[in-house]
Amino acid sequence: MKKRHLLENSLVEKLRTKYEDFPERTAIPENGDQFVGSGLKEFLGAYGTDFSLKAGETLFLQGDTADGLYWIESGAVAILQGDLDKPRLLTFRREEHVVGEIALLEDIKRTATVAAITNAKFKYLSQDKFQGLLALIPGFGVELMRLLSTRLREVKPAEYSDGMYDHLTGAMSRQAFDVRLRDEIDRAQIYRYSFSVVFLDLDHFKEAWIQVVSATG
């Protein structure tokens, strides 16, 4: 197991205080955990490796190579981005949650740091075991799809909140463009690649829109 980075005690205390007031902390799904039928939990219980962290220790750092995924057996962790002297808090994960699966599936470096804010126990599934289960056991892939679906449901309410898209056409708004642009700039800085923004100016758009509206009533 790799050497763990240790957060400052003052930062851990601030994160723990925020966690106490976190709105989703007490929201437990009807089936008792994050996964439908607890299938992924059963796979990790059967094939995963036990280990633990003390409060303040990091599970992995932003920019690390993805080496596996982790199921939180007990305790809580913070998901952080940026300089750990003054990081940006994204969210928290607690018992019955999985972390680390996105970078593993996409074969990219970790996009955030995960740090324990309490003493925590985990089940660790290595990259080799992960790929083996995907190849040999179809049910494992199904459980991963359920997990990713849960992730999408977490993101969608914020992504499609008022002002982010036009309710009539479904088109994303200028506000949504600004948010996405900022995200892409941050991503480009993290992974050190360039990207382009293409701007299309449609001539006589107003006239074309009036014709379409008139034709459809």
Protein backbone atom coordinates (compact mmCIF):
# COMPACT_ATOMS: atom_id res chain seq x y z
CA MET A 1 0.00 0.00 0.00
CA LYS A 2 1.37 3.43 -0.96
CA LYS A 3 2.45 6.01 1.61
CA ARG A 4 -0.48 8.18 2.73
CA HIS A 5 -0.45 11.96 2.70
CA LEU A 6 -1.65 13.52 5.95
CA LEU A 7 -3.97 16.55 6.07
CA GLU A 8 -3.48 19.32 8.61
CA ASN A 9 -5.49 18.77 11.79
CA SER A 10 -7.19 22.17 11.40
CA LEU A 11 -8.41 21.21 7.92
CA VAL A 12 -9.72 17.85 9.13
CA GLU A 13 -11.67 19.60 11.89
CA LYS A 14 -13.21 22.07 9.41
CA LEU A 15 -14.21 19.24 7.09
CA ARG A 16 -15.68 17.23 9.93
CA THR A 17 -17.73 20.24 11.06
CA LYS A 18 -19.08 20.69 7.50
CA TYR A 19 -19.87 17.00 7.33
CA GLU A 20 -22.01 17.24 10.48
CA ASP A 21 -24.23 19.75 8.64
CA PHE A 22 -24.10 17.99 5.27
CA PRO A 23 -27.71 17.67 4.01
CA GLU A 24 -27.31 14.15 2.55
CA ARG A 25 -25.63 12.73 5.63
CA THR A 26 -28.82 11.25 7.04
CA ALA A 27 -30.46 10.42 3.69
CA ILE A 28 -30.36 6.61 3.60
CA PRO A 29 -31.87 4.87 0.54
CA GLU A 30 -34.82 2.56 1.15
CA ASN A 31 -32.74 -0.56 0.53
CA GLY A 32 -30.22 0.51 3.19
CA ASP A 33 -27.26 1.28 0.95
CA GLN A 34 -26.25 2.93 -2.31
CA PHE A 35 -26.67 -0.13 -4.53
CA VAL A 36 -29.77 -1.90 -5.79
CA GLY A 37 -29.70 -5.42 -4.27
CA SER A 38 -26.29 -4.72 -2.69
CA GLY A 39 -24.71 -6.63 -5.59
CA LEU A 40 -21.54 -4.56 -5.89
CA LYS A 41 -21.12 -4.68 -2.12
CA GLU A 42 -21.22 -8.49 -2.29
CA PHE A 43 -18.58 -8.58 -5.05
CA LEU A 44 -16.29 -6.31 -3.05
CA GLY A 45 -16.87 -8.36 0.08
CA ALA A 46 -15.87 -11.53 -1.76
CA TYR A 47 -12.90 -10.22 -3.77
CA GLY A 48 -11.80 -7.04 -2.00
CA THR A 49 -8.92 -6.50 0.43
CA ASP A 50 -9.46 -4.97 3.89
CA PHE A 51 -7.55 -1.92 5.02
CA SER A 52 -8.12 1.18 7.12
CA LEU A 53 -7.21 4.85 7.38
CA LYS A 54 -6.93 7.21 10.32
CA ALA A 55 -8.65 10.58 10.24
CA GLY A 56 -6.61 12.96 8.07
CA GLU A 57 -4.97 10.28 5.91
CA THR A 58 -5.58 10.37 2.16
CA LEU A 59 -6.93 7.43 0.22
CA PHE A 60 -5.43 8.84 -2.99
CA LEU A 61 -4.38 12.21 -4.36
CA GLN A 62 -5.60 14.21 -7.33
CA GLY A 63 -3.34 13.29 -10.25
CA ASP A 64 -2.51 9.79 -8.94
CA THR A 65 -2.74 6.84 -11.32
CA ALA A 66 -5.98 4.91 -10.82
CA ASP A 67 -5.07 1.60 -9.16
CA GLY A 68 -8.45 0.33 -7.99
CA LEU A 69 -11.82 1.19 -6.46
CA TYR A 70 -12.82 1.36 -2.83
CA TRP A 71 -15.97 0.54 -0.89
CA ILE A 72 -16.33 2.40 2.41
CA GLU A 73 -17.18 -0.13 5.09
CA SER A 74 -17.28 2.45 7.90
CA GLY A 75 -16.38 6.09 8.44
CA ALA A 76 -16.52 9.09 6.12
CA VAL A 77 -14.27 10.72 3.52
CA ALA A 78 -14.12 14.13 1.84
CA ILE A 79 -13.72 14.58 -1.92
CA LEU A 80 -11.36 17.51 -2.53
CA GLN A 81 -9.81 19.33 -5.47
CA GLY A 82 -6.86 21.68 -5.72
CA ASP A 83 -4.10 22.57 -3.28
CA LEU A 84 -4.55 20.66 -0.03
CA ASP A 85 -3.50 23.73 1.95
CA LYS A 86 -6.79 25.30 0.85
CA PRO A 87 -8.76 22.71 -1.16
CA ARG A 88 -12.19 22.99 -2.74
CA LEU A 89 -14.70 20.62 -1.14
CA LEU A 90 -16.78 18.75 -3.72
CA THR A 91 -18.79 16.39 -1.51
CA PHE A 92 -18.58 13.67 1.13
CA ARG A 93 -18.87 9.90 0.92
CA ARG A 94 -19.77 7.65 3.84
CA GLU A 95 -20.29 3.98 4.68
CA GLU A 96 -21.89 1.93 1.90
CA HIS A 97 -20.46 4.25 -0.79
CA VAL A 98 -17.86 3.54 -3.47
CA VAL A 99 -15.07 5.91 -4.52
CA GLY A 100 -12.48 5.73 -7.28
CA GLU A 101 -14.52 3.94 -9.93
CA ILE A 102 -14.69 6.74 -12.54
CA ALA A 103 -10.93 7.12 -13.08
CA LEU A 104 -10.61 3.34 -13.21
CA LEU A 105 -13.34 2.96 -15.84
CA GLU A 106 -12.07 5.85 -17.97
CA ASP A 107 -8.38 4.90 -17.48
CA ILE A 108 -7.43 8.43 -16.44
CA LYS A 109 -5.62 9.92 -13.47
CA ARG A 110 -7.54 10.74 -10.32
CA THR A 111 -9.50 13.97 -10.75
CA ALA A 112 -9.82 14.60 -7.01
CA THR A 113 -8.24 13.79 -3.66
CA VAL A 114 -10.08 11.54 -1.22
CA ALA A 115 -9.24 11.93 2.47
CA ALA A 116 -10.64 10.32 5.61
CA ILE A 117 -12.28 12.78 8.01
CA THR A 118 -12.92 10.02 10.56
CA ASN A 119 -11.23 6.70 11.14
CA ALA A 120 -12.43 4.60 8.23
CA LYS A 121 -12.38 1.00 6.97
CA PHE A 122 -12.45 0.00 3.30
CA LYS A 123 -12.67 -2.88 0.88
CA TYR A 124 -10.11 -2.38 -1.90
CA LEU A 125 -10.50 -3.94 -5.35
CA SER A 126 -7.29 -3.75 -7.40
CA GLN A 127 -7.27 -2.80 -11.07
CA ASP A 128 -6.35 -6.36 -12.10
CA LYS A 129 -9.21 -7.89 -10.11
CA PHE A 130 -11.55 -5.17 -11.39
CA GLN A 131 -10.73 -5.97 -15.03
CA GLY A 132 -10.95 -9.69 -14.37
CA LEU A 133 -14.42 -9.40 -12.84
CA LEU A 134 -15.59 -7.24 -15.75
CA ALA A 135 -14.36 -9.84 -18.23
CA LEU A 136 -15.59 -12.97 -16.45
CA ILE A 137 -18.71 -12.01 -14.50
CA PRO A 138 -21.46 -10.13 -16.39
CA GLY A 139 -23.26 -9.37 -13.14
CA PHE A 140 -20.34 -7.25 -11.97
CA GLY A 141 -20.71 -5.00 -15.02
CA VAL A 142 -24.44 -4.68 -14.34
CA GLU A 143 -23.77 -3.53 -10.79
CA LEU A 144 -21.28 -0.96 -12.06
CA MET A 145 -23.91 0.40 -14.43
CA ARG A 146 -26.26 0.79 -11.47
CA LEU A 147 -23.54 2.68 -9.61
CA LEU A 148 -22.92 5.02 -12.55
CA SER A 149 -26.66 5.60 -12.87
CA THR A 150 -26.67 6.69 -9.23
CA ARG A 151 -23.81 9.09 -9.95
CA LEU A 152 -25.76 10.63 -12.84
CA ARG A 153 -28.82 11.12 -10.65
CA GLU A 154 -26.62 12.95 -8.14
CA VAL A 155 -25.29 15.32 -10.79
CA LYS A 156 -28.44 15.96 -12.83
CA PRO A 157 -30.41 18.08 -10.32
CA ALA A 158 -27.56 20.62 -10.14
CA GLU A 159 -26.71 20.38 -13.83
CA TYR A 160 -30.29 21.01 -14.93
CA SER A 161 -31.43 23.43 -12.25
CA ASP A 162 -33.30 26.64 -13.07
CA GLY A 163 -31.37 28.87 -15.43
CA MET A 164 -29.17 26.07 -16.80
CA TYR A 165 -31.37 25.16 -19.76
CA ASP A 166 -34.39 26.29 -21.73
CA HIS A 167 -37.46 24.33 -20.61
CA LEU A 168 -39.17 24.66 -24.00
CA THR A 169 -36.35 23.50 -26.30
CA GLY A 170 -34.08 21.69 -23.87
CA ALA A 171 -31.12 23.74 -25.12
CA MET A 172 -28.43 24.62 -22.60
CA SER A 173 -28.29 28.29 -21.57
CA ARG A 174 -25.46 30.83 -21.55
CA GLN A 175 -25.14 30.20 -17.83
CA ALA A 176 -24.62 26.49 -18.51
CA PHE A 177 -22.03 27.35 -21.17
CA ASP A 178 -20.08 29.45 -18.67
CA VAL A 179 -20.13 26.62 -16.12
CA ARG A 180 -19.03 24.01 -18.69
CA LEU A 181 -16.30 26.29 -20.03
CA ARG A 182 -14.88 26.78 -16.54
CA ASP A 183 -14.94 23.01 -15.97
CA GLU A 184 -13.11 22.35 -19.25
CA ILE A 185 -10.48 24.99 -18.48
CA ASP A 186 -9.88 23.35 -15.09
CA ARG A 187 -9.70 19.91 -16.72
CA ALA A 188 -7.23 21.15 -19.35
CA GLN A 189 -5.00 22.62 -16.65
CA ILE A 190 -5.07 19.38 -14.64
CA TYR A 191 -4.25 17.13 -17.61
CA ARG A 192 -2.16 19.70 -19.50
CA TYR A 193 -3.89 19.61 -22.85
CA SER A 194 -5.28 22.31 -25.09
CA PHE A 195 -8.80 22.65 -26.44
CA SER A 196 -10.75 24.91 -28.79
CA VAL A 197 -14.03 26.77 -28.55
CA VAL A 198 -16.01 26.92 -31.81
CA PHE A 199 -18.45 29.81 -32.25
CA LEU A 200 -21.15 29.63 -34.92
CA ASP A 201 -22.90 32.82 -36.04
CA LEU A 202 -26.04 32.00 -38.04
CA ASP A 203 -27.02 34.70 -40.54
CA HIS A 204 -30.70 35.69 -40.67
CA PHE A 205 -31.52 33.40 -37.73
CA LYS A 206 -34.51 35.52 -36.68
CA GLU A 207 -36.13 35.20 -40.11
CA ALA A 208 -35.54 31.44 -40.20
CA TRP A 209 -37.00 31.06 -36.69
CA ILE A 210 -40.15 33.00 -37.65
CA GLN A 211 -40.65 30.72 -40.69
CA VAL A 212 -40.30 27.60 -38.56
CA VAL A 213 -42.71 28.89 -35.93
CA SER A 214 -45.23 29.93 -38.59
CA ALA A 215 -45.03 26.53 -40.31
CA THR A 216 -45.65 24.63 -37.07
CA GLY A 217 -48.31 26.95 -35.70
